[in-house]
């Protein structure tokens, strides 16, 4: 995943998880990905500044 895409996806994960529409077999993986994205909250600023 390009860094800019990750930066854009990061804020969307909590919203997607809150909707609760994920099948049980992928819910654990989705939680892990959400945790990863929330560990890097400044990506949107840093990455987008670097690629522009």
C-alpha atoms as a PDB file:
ATOM      1  CA  UNK A   1       0.000   0.000   0.000  1.00  0.00           C
ATOM      2  CA  UNK A   2       1.479   3.367  -0.918  1.00  0.00           C
ATOM      3  CA  UNK A   3       2.104   5.561   2.099  1.00  0.00           C
ATOM      4  CA  UNK A   4      -0.364   8.186   0.896  1.00  0.00           C
ATOM      5  CA  UNK A   5      -3.099   5.539   0.728  1.00  0.00           C
ATOM      6  CA  UNK A   6      -2.259   4.376   4.232  1.00  0.00           C
ATOM      7  CA  UNK A   7      -2.479   7.961   5.442  1.00  0.00           C
ATOM      8  CA  UNK A   8      -5.923   8.311   3.912  1.00  0.00           C
ATOM      9  CA  UNK A   9      -7.116   4.927   5.183  1.00  0.00           C
ATOM     10  CA  UNK A  10      -5.983   5.464   8.770  1.00  0.00           C
ATOM     11  CA  UNK A  11      -8.824   7.723   9.942  1.00  0.00           C
ATOM     12  CA  UNK A  12     -11.390   5.517   8.206  1.00  0.00           C
ATOM     13  CA  UNK A  13     -10.624   2.342  10.168  1.00  0.00           C
ATOM     14  CA  UNK A  14     -12.304   3.369  13.445  1.00  0.00           C
ATOM     15  CA  UNK A  15     -15.418   4.345  11.513  1.00  0.00           C
ATOM     16  CA  UNK A  16     -15.485   1.037   9.629  1.00  0.00           C
ATOM     17  CA  UNK A  17     -15.020  -0.975  12.811  1.00  0.00           C
ATOM     18  CA  UNK A  18     -17.740   0.963  14.603  1.00  0.00           C
ATOM     19  CA  UNK A  19     -20.224  -0.020  11.910  1.00  0.00           C
ATOM     20  CA  UNK A  20     -19.813  -3.642  13.004  1.00  0.00           C
ATOM     21  CA  UNK A  21     -20.444  -5.194   9.608  1.00  0.00           C
ATOM     22  CA  UNK A  22     -17.350  -7.354   9.462  1.00  0.00           C
ATOM     23  CA  UNK A  23     -17.658 -11.132   9.450  1.00  0.00           C
ATOM     24  CA  UNK A  24     -16.258 -12.811  12.544  1.00  0.00           C
ATOM     25  CA  UNK A  25     -13.463 -14.483  10.584  1.00  0.00           C
ATOM     26  CA  UNK A  26     -11.879 -11.128   9.634  1.00  0.00           C
ATOM     27  CA  UNK A  27     -12.815  -9.010  12.650  1.00  0.00           C
ATOM     28  CA  UNK A  28      -9.604  -9.884  14.524  1.00  0.00           C
ATOM     29  CA  UNK A  29      -7.410  -8.958  11.578  1.00  0.00           C
ATOM     30  CA  UNK A  30      -9.337  -5.726  11.093  1.00  0.00           C
ATOM     31  CA  UNK A  31      -8.727  -4.831  14.741  1.00  0.00           C
ATOM     32  CA  UNK A  32      -5.005  -5.431  14.265  1.00  0.00           C
ATOM     33  CA  UNK A  33      -4.918  -3.212  11.189  1.00  0.00           C
ATOM     34  CA  UNK A  34      -6.837  -0.490  12.997  1.00  0.00           C
ATOM     35  CA  UNK A  35      -4.310  -0.675  15.821  1.00  0.00           C
ATOM     36  CA  UNK A  36      -1.467  -0.324  13.350  1.00  0.00           C
ATOM     37  CA  UNK A  37      -3.007   2.718  11.708  1.00  0.00           C
ATOM     38  CA  UNK A  38      -3.709   4.403  15.053  1.00  0.00           C
ATOM     39  CA  UNK A  39      -0.037   4.028  16.038  1.00  0.00           C
ATOM     40  CA  UNK A  40       0.966   6.455  13.309  1.00  0.00           C
ATOM     41  CA  UNK A  41      -1.492   9.361  13.633  1.00  0.00           C
ATOM     42  CA  UNK A  42       0.842  11.858  11.977  1.00  0.00           C
ATOM     43  CA  UNK A  43       1.167   9.952   8.705  1.00  0.00           C
ATOM     44  CA  UNK A  44      -1.426  12.089   6.995  1.00  0.00           C
ATOM     45  CA  UNK A  45       0.591  15.236   7.607  1.00  0.00           C
ATOM     46  CA  UNK A  46       4.102  13.827   7.236  1.00  0.00           C
ATOM     47  CA  UNK A  47       3.561  11.599   4.215  1.00  0.00           C
ATOM     48  CA  UNK A  48       1.435  13.994   2.250  1.00  0.00           C
ATOM     49  CA  UNK A  49       3.958  16.783   2.870  1.00  0.00           C
ATOM     50  CA  UNK A  50       6.760  14.572   1.560  1.00  0.00           C
ATOM     51  CA  UNK A  51       5.049  13.558  -1.672  1.00  0.00           C
ATOM     52  CA  UNK A  52       3.770  16.965  -2.719  1.00  0.00           C
END
